[in-house]
Amino acid sequence: MAHSLSAQKRVRQNEAARARNRWRLRTMRDAIKDFNEKILHGSADEAKTALSKASQIIDRTAAKGVIHKNQAARRKSRLSTKLKGKQATKAGKSK
């Protein structure tokens, strides 16, 4: 247990920051899950909208320092690749 006032304050600040970071991660993961659900069961337009929303949340999470910017870029790249795959299969089926 921290004894000095400044150490006690740091403990409080760390707890608050950890709670915020966990919320940001959970929000990001929920957006990604929503996108994946749209890829499987929704239309391409719904998936495109979900990708846009997920990309914004991923960028915001990286900007706050919760995840690294390269991880954010990698996640967005993988999501956009999934969307392109869905659009390609949709185009292939319509021919």
Protein backbone atom coordinates (compact mmCIF):
# COMPACT_ATOMS: atom_id res chain seq x y z
CA MET A 1 0.00 0.00 0.00
CA ALA A 2 1.28 3.45 -0.90
CA HIS A 3 2.05 5.66 2.08
CA SER A 4 2.92 9.07 0.69
CA LEU A 5 0.19 11.33 -0.64
CA SER A 6 1.75 11.50 -4.09
CA ALA A 7 2.00 7.70 -4.29
CA GLN A 8 -1.64 7.36 -3.22
CA LYS A 9 -2.62 9.84 -5.91
CA ARG A 10 -0.66 7.86 -8.54
CA VAL A 11 -2.53 4.70 -7.51
CA ARG A 12 -5.86 6.50 -8.00
CA GLN A 13 -4.76 7.91 -11.35
CA ASN A 14 -3.53 4.53 -12.56
CA GLU A 15 -6.82 2.87 -11.64
CA ALA A 16 -8.78 5.53 -13.52
CA ALA A 17 -6.52 5.29 -16.58
CA ARG A 18 -6.74 1.51 -16.59
CA ALA A 19 -10.54 1.69 -16.48
CA ARG A 20 -10.56 4.14 -19.41
CA ASN A 21 -8.16 2.00 -21.43
CA ARG A 22 -10.19 -1.15 -20.81
CA TRP A 23 -13.32 0.70 -21.96
CA ARG A 24 -11.55 1.87 -25.13
CA LEU A 25 -10.34 -1.65 -25.92
CA ARG A 26 -13.79 -3.11 -25.31
CA THR A 27 -15.36 -0.46 -27.56
CA MET A 28 -12.85 -1.22 -30.30
CA ARG A 29 -13.40 -4.97 -30.07
CA ASP A 30 -17.17 -4.49 -30.14
CA ALA A 31 -16.88 -2.41 -33.32
CA ILE A 32 -14.72 -5.11 -34.92
CA LYS A 33 -17.22 -7.81 -33.89
CA ASP A 34 -20.04 -5.73 -35.37
CA PHE A 35 -18.11 -5.46 -38.64
CA ASN A 36 -17.45 -9.21 -38.71
CA GLU A 37 -21.14 -9.85 -38.12
CA LYS A 38 -22.03 -7.59 -41.05
CA ILE A 39 -19.49 -9.42 -43.24
CA LEU A 40 -21.09 -12.78 -42.43
CA HIS A 41 -24.78 -11.88 -42.36
CA GLY A 42 -25.21 -8.38 -43.73
CA SER A 43 -24.98 -6.67 -47.06
CA ALA A 44 -21.81 -5.18 -48.49
CA ASP A 45 -23.13 -1.67 -47.86
CA GLU A 46 -23.76 -2.43 -44.18
CA ALA A 47 -20.28 -3.92 -43.92
CA LYS A 48 -18.76 -0.83 -45.54
CA THR A 49 -20.51 1.40 -43.00
CA ALA A 50 -19.37 -0.83 -40.15
CA LEU A 51 -15.80 -0.73 -41.49
CA SER A 52 -15.85 3.05 -41.49
CA LYS A 53 -17.07 3.14 -37.89
CA ALA A 54 -14.56 0.51 -36.77
CA SER A 55 -11.70 2.34 -38.49
CA GLN A 56 -12.55 5.56 -36.67
CA ILE A 57 -12.64 3.78 -33.33
CA ILE A 58 -9.37 1.95 -34.04
CA ASP A 59 -7.69 5.24 -34.98
CA ARG A 60 -8.98 6.92 -31.84
CA THR A 61 -7.75 4.03 -29.69
CA ALA A 62 -4.29 4.31 -31.24
CA ALA A 63 -4.26 8.09 -30.85
CA LYS A 64 -4.91 7.70 -27.13
CA GLY A 65 -1.96 5.34 -26.84
CA VAL A 66 -3.95 2.27 -25.89
CA ILE A 67 -2.66 0.34 -28.89
CA HIS A 68 0.34 1.00 -31.12
CA LYS A 69 -0.21 2.85 -34.40
CA ASN A 70 1.17 -0.11 -36.37
CA GLN A 71 -1.29 -2.45 -34.66
CA ALA A 72 -4.09 -0.06 -35.61
CA ALA A 73 -2.92 -0.03 -39.23
CA ARG A 74 -2.68 -3.82 -39.28
CA ARG A 75 -6.18 -4.26 -37.87
CA LYS A 76 -7.68 -1.80 -40.34
CA SER A 77 -5.86 -3.47 -43.22
CA ARG A 78 -7.17 -6.90 -42.28
CA LEU A 79 -10.72 -5.59 -41.96
CA SER A 80 -10.59 -3.86 -45.35
CA THR A 81 -9.22 -7.06 -46.91
CA LYS A 82 -12.23 -8.94 -45.54
CA LEU A 83 -14.56 -6.35 -47.04
CA LYS A 84 -12.84 -6.57 -50.44
CA GLY A 85 -13.19 -10.35 -50.31
CA LYS A 86 -16.91 -10.05 -49.64
CA GLN A 87 -17.34 -7.57 -52.47
CA ALA A 88 -15.37 -9.85 -54.81
CA THR A 89 -17.55 -12.86 -53.98
CA LYS A 90 -20.65 -10.71 -54.41
CA ALA A 91 -19.43 -9.59 -57.85
CA GLY A 92 -18.56 -13.19 -58.76
CA LYS A 93 -22.03 -14.43 -57.84
CA SER A 94 -23.79 -11.76 -59.91
CA LYS A 95 -22.00 -12.79 -63.13
